[in-house]
Amino acid sequence: MRTTITLDDTLFERAVAITGDHNASSMLTKALEMVVASESKKRLIRSSGKAPEFIIPGRDSRATDPILVAEDENPYNSDKS
């Protein structure tokens, strides 16, 4: 999509200094990705009380078998039946 926008020069220069990226298009894309990620996280946090039975597994409960895929019925079950 093409559009014409006005950016705050000081803010843009600060972003360039932090990222090293001088391309306005890629900088804006990164900014939009960050907004989407941030707002998605906020939505998830707000909805967490609506499913009290939902438990976020801790890092220690990750599967150690790299062969497992999302379609596995129970990838965290130690006996593969």
Protein backbone atom coordinates (compact mmCIF):
# COMPACT_ATOMS: atom_id res chain seq x y z
CA MET A 1 0.00 0.00 0.00
CA ARG A 2 1.28 3.45 -0.81
CA THR A 3 0.45 6.51 1.22
CA THR A 4 1.89 9.89 2.10
CA ILE A 5 2.53 10.52 5.78
CA THR A 6 4.19 13.13 7.92
CA LEU A 7 6.67 11.78 10.46
CA ASP A 8 8.14 13.59 13.43
CA ASP A 9 11.77 14.15 12.34
CA THR A 10 13.16 13.92 15.87
CA LEU A 11 11.30 10.71 16.61
CA PHE A 12 12.38 9.19 13.29
CA GLU A 13 16.03 10.10 13.93
CA ARG A 14 15.84 8.53 17.40
CA ALA A 15 14.44 5.34 15.86
CA VAL A 16 17.22 5.35 13.24
CA ALA A 17 19.83 5.78 15.97
CA ILE A 18 18.42 2.80 17.86
CA THR A 19 17.86 0.45 14.92
CA GLY A 20 20.37 1.65 12.36
CA ASP A 21 17.63 1.42 9.72
CA HIS A 22 17.37 4.59 7.59
CA ASN A 23 14.50 3.32 5.41
CA ALA A 24 11.24 5.04 6.38
CA SER A 25 9.10 2.27 4.87
CA SER A 26 10.76 -0.53 6.82
CA MET A 27 10.78 1.59 9.98
CA LEU A 28 7.05 2.16 9.67
CA THR A 29 6.49 -1.54 9.04
CA LYS A 30 8.44 -2.40 12.20
CA ALA A 31 6.44 0.17 14.17
CA LEU A 32 3.14 -1.29 12.94
CA GLU A 33 4.31 -4.81 13.81
CA MET A 34 5.15 -3.62 17.32
CA VAL A 35 1.72 -1.97 17.70
CA VAL A 36 -0.03 -5.16 16.58
CA ALA A 37 2.06 -7.31 18.95
CA SER A 38 1.52 -4.94 21.88
CA GLU A 39 -2.23 -4.64 21.36
CA SER A 40 -2.57 -8.40 20.84
CA LYS A 41 -0.78 -8.99 24.13
CA LYS A 42 -3.09 -6.52 25.90
CA ARG A 43 -6.15 -8.27 24.42
CA LEU A 44 -4.89 -11.64 25.57
CA ILE A 45 -4.28 -10.33 29.09
CA ARG A 46 -7.75 -8.73 29.22
CA SER A 47 -9.41 -11.97 28.11
CA SER A 48 -7.48 -14.16 30.57
CA GLY A 49 -10.19 -13.85 33.23
CA LYS A 50 -12.84 -15.12 30.82
CA ALA A 51 -11.40 -18.65 30.74
CA PRO A 52 -10.34 -19.38 34.33
CA GLU A 53 -9.64 -23.04 33.52
CA PHE A 54 -7.01 -22.02 30.94
CA ILE A 55 -3.49 -22.51 32.27
CA ILE A 56 -0.43 -21.14 30.51
CA PRO A 57 2.20 -23.89 30.66
CA GLY A 58 5.53 -22.95 32.18
CA ARG A 59 8.78 -23.04 30.25
CA ASP A 60 9.79 -26.29 31.96
CA SER A 61 6.82 -28.13 30.44
CA ARG A 62 7.96 -27.70 26.83
CA ALA A 63 8.29 -30.87 24.81
CA THR A 64 11.88 -31.99 24.40
CA ASP A 65 11.18 -34.09 21.31
CA PRO A 66 11.76 -31.87 18.22
CA ILE A 67 9.81 -34.32 16.04
CA LEU A 68 6.49 -33.39 17.65
CA VAL A 69 4.10 -31.32 15.57
CA ALA A 70 0.96 -29.36 16.35
CA GLU A 71 -1.25 -32.18 15.06
CA ASP A 72 0.00 -34.64 17.70
CA GLU A 73 -2.92 -35.52 19.97
CA ASN A 74 -1.04 -35.00 23.21
CA PRO A 75 2.53 -33.83 22.60
CA TYR A 76 3.25 -33.38 26.31
CA ASN A 77 2.25 -36.90 27.29
CA SER A 78 5.39 -38.88 28.15
CA ASP A 79 3.97 -42.27 27.10
CA LYS A 80 3.39 -42.00 23.35
CA SER A 81 0.19 -44.04 23.04
